[in-house]
């Protein structure tokens, strides 16, 4: 019974929002560039941005790229540089 309780506690202690595909050492959100700047930069490159959210300290972007492909891409929120994923 104690083991089951410990397992349950461990499962809830894991952050539900992080996928583990990418992580960014991005510091305080006060130093981050706005999501709108990233969205505008990507649109200027021909992307159709569907959604941007924070995951693992990175900006996670769901979009259609300039080649018409559905993509899930990660960008560093301070530099807006692409972040490689662990797929």
C-alpha atoms as a PDB file:
ATOM      1  CA  UNK A   1       0.000   0.000   0.000  1.00  0.00           C
ATOM      2  CA  UNK A   2       2.816   2.403   0.869  1.00  0.00           C
ATOM      3  CA  UNK A   3       4.518   1.634  -2.445  1.00  0.00           C
ATOM      4  CA  UNK A   4       1.318   2.429  -4.375  1.00  0.00           C
ATOM      5  CA  UNK A   5       1.002   5.751  -2.544  1.00  0.00           C
ATOM      6  CA  UNK A   6       4.612   6.637  -3.366  1.00  0.00           C
ATOM      7  CA  UNK A   7       4.068   5.759  -7.031  1.00  0.00           C
ATOM      8  CA  UNK A   8       0.940   7.918  -7.154  1.00  0.00           C
ATOM      9  CA  UNK A   9       2.806  10.859  -5.584  1.00  0.00           C
ATOM     10  CA  UNK A  10       5.651  10.480  -8.085  1.00  0.00           C
ATOM     11  CA  UNK A  11       3.243  10.476 -11.023  1.00  0.00           C
ATOM     12  CA  UNK A  12       1.700  13.762  -9.902  1.00  0.00           C
ATOM     13  CA  UNK A  13       5.091  15.357  -9.199  1.00  0.00           C
ATOM     14  CA  UNK A  14       6.096  15.100 -12.871  1.00  0.00           C
ATOM     15  CA  UNK A  15       5.238  18.309 -14.775  1.00  0.00           C
ATOM     16  CA  UNK A  16       2.424  17.615 -17.202  1.00  0.00           C
ATOM     17  CA  UNK A  17       3.365  20.402 -19.618  1.00  0.00           C
ATOM     18  CA  UNK A  18       6.901  19.398 -20.605  1.00  0.00           C
ATOM     19  CA  UNK A  19       7.245  16.917 -23.459  1.00  0.00           C
ATOM     20  CA  UNK A  20      11.001  16.444 -23.086  1.00  0.00           C
ATOM     21  CA  UNK A  21      11.608  16.972 -26.814  1.00  0.00           C
ATOM     22  CA  UNK A  22      13.572  20.156 -26.140  1.00  0.00           C
ATOM     23  CA  UNK A  23      14.717  22.198 -23.171  1.00  0.00           C
ATOM     24  CA  UNK A  24      16.006  25.747 -23.022  1.00  0.00           C
ATOM     25  CA  UNK A  25      18.087  27.378 -20.304  1.00  0.00           C
ATOM     26  CA  UNK A  26      16.124  30.566 -20.807  1.00  0.00           C
ATOM     27  CA  UNK A  27      16.159  32.271 -17.411  1.00  0.00           C
ATOM     28  CA  UNK A  28      13.397  34.547 -16.176  1.00  0.00           C
ATOM     29  CA  UNK A  29      10.500  35.216 -18.534  1.00  0.00           C
ATOM     30  CA  UNK A  30      11.185  38.935 -18.103  1.00  0.00           C
ATOM     31  CA  UNK A  31      14.160  38.528 -20.454  1.00  0.00           C
ATOM     32  CA  UNK A  32      12.196  36.655 -23.119  1.00  0.00           C
ATOM     33  CA  UNK A  33      11.203  38.137 -26.439  1.00  0.00           C
ATOM     34  CA  UNK A  34       7.451  38.310 -27.052  1.00  0.00           C
ATOM     35  CA  UNK A  35       5.751  35.362 -28.751  1.00  0.00           C
ATOM     36  CA  UNK A  36       4.308  37.830 -31.255  1.00  0.00           C
ATOM     37  CA  UNK A  37       7.818  38.675 -32.512  1.00  0.00           C
ATOM     38  CA  UNK A  38       8.520  34.990 -33.141  1.00  0.00           C
ATOM     39  CA  UNK A  39       5.151  34.588 -34.856  1.00  0.00           C
ATOM     40  CA  UNK A  40       5.797  37.597 -37.114  1.00  0.00           C
ATOM     41  CA  UNK A  41       9.325  36.352 -37.963  1.00  0.00           C
ATOM     42  CA  UNK A  42       7.968  32.936 -38.934  1.00  0.00           C
ATOM     43  CA  UNK A  43       5.117  34.422 -40.983  1.00  0.00           C
ATOM     44  CA  UNK A  44       7.675  36.543 -42.861  1.00  0.00           C
ATOM     45  CA  UNK A  45       9.416  33.263 -43.794  1.00  0.00           C
ATOM     46  CA  UNK A  46       6.157  31.859 -45.191  1.00  0.00           C
ATOM     47  CA  UNK A  47       4.976  29.861 -42.163  1.00  0.00           C
ATOM     48  CA  UNK A  48       1.331  29.630 -41.112  1.00  0.00           C
ATOM     49  CA  UNK A  49       1.533  29.667 -37.316  1.00  0.00           C
ATOM     50  CA  UNK A  50      -1.272  27.745 -35.604  1.00  0.00           C
ATOM     51  CA  UNK A  51      -0.166  27.937 -31.969  1.00  0.00           C
ATOM     52  CA  UNK A  52       2.775  28.983 -29.799  1.00  0.00           C
ATOM     53  CA  UNK A  53       3.154  27.801 -26.218  1.00  0.00           C
ATOM     54  CA  UNK A  54       5.888  27.417 -23.614  1.00  0.00           C
ATOM     55  CA  UNK A  55       7.315  23.911 -23.161  1.00  0.00           C
ATOM     56  CA  UNK A  56      10.564  23.010 -21.381  1.00  0.00           C
ATOM     57  CA  UNK A  57      11.520  26.681 -21.161  1.00  0.00           C
ATOM     58  CA  UNK A  58      11.267  26.980 -24.967  1.00  0.00           C
ATOM     59  CA  UNK A  59       8.662  28.356 -27.319  1.00  0.00           C
ATOM     60  CA  UNK A  60       6.937  25.384 -28.949  1.00  0.00           C
ATOM     61  CA  UNK A  61       5.393  26.259 -32.318  1.00  0.00           C
ATOM     62  CA  UNK A  62       2.755  24.304 -34.206  1.00  0.00           C
ATOM     63  CA  UNK A  63       2.677  25.513 -37.800  1.00  0.00           C
ATOM     64  CA  UNK A  64       2.673  24.797 -41.501  1.00  0.00           C
ATOM     65  CA  UNK A  65       6.123  25.642 -42.827  1.00  0.00           C
ATOM     66  CA  UNK A  66       6.980  27.286 -46.143  1.00  0.00           C
ATOM     67  CA  UNK A  67       7.034  23.835 -47.817  1.00  0.00           C
ATOM     68  CA  UNK A  68       3.467  23.069 -46.721  1.00  0.00           C
ATOM     69  CA  UNK A  69       4.562  20.573 -44.052  1.00  0.00           C
ATOM     70  CA  UNK A  70       3.012  20.400 -40.589  1.00  0.00           C
ATOM     71  CA  UNK A  71       5.751  21.079 -38.052  1.00  0.00           C
ATOM     72  CA  UNK A  72       6.260  21.157 -34.318  1.00  0.00           C
ATOM     73  CA  UNK A  73       9.329  23.316 -33.791  1.00  0.00           C
ATOM     74  CA  UNK A  74      11.077  24.729 -30.749  1.00  0.00           C
ATOM     75  CA  UNK A  75      12.729  28.136 -30.404  1.00  0.00           C
ATOM     76  CA  UNK A  76      14.807  29.697 -27.634  1.00  0.00           C
ATOM     77  CA  UNK A  77      12.680  32.470 -26.093  1.00  0.00           C
ATOM     78  CA  UNK A  78      15.603  34.878 -25.624  1.00  0.00           C
ATOM     79  CA  UNK A  79      17.360  34.484 -28.993  1.00  0.00           C
ATOM     80  CA  UNK A  80      14.458  33.019 -31.022  1.00  0.00           C
ATOM     81  CA  UNK A  81      17.010  30.584 -32.497  1.00  0.00           C
ATOM     82  CA  UNK A  82      15.725  27.106 -33.447  1.00  0.00           C
ATOM     83  CA  UNK A  83      16.325  24.451 -30.795  1.00  0.00           C
ATOM     84  CA  UNK A  84      17.123  20.869 -31.867  1.00  0.00           C
ATOM     85  CA  UNK A  85      14.716  18.222 -30.585  1.00  0.00           C
ATOM     86  CA  UNK A  86      15.401  14.783 -29.132  1.00  0.00           C
ATOM     87  CA  UNK A  87      13.267  12.832 -31.630  1.00  0.00           C
END
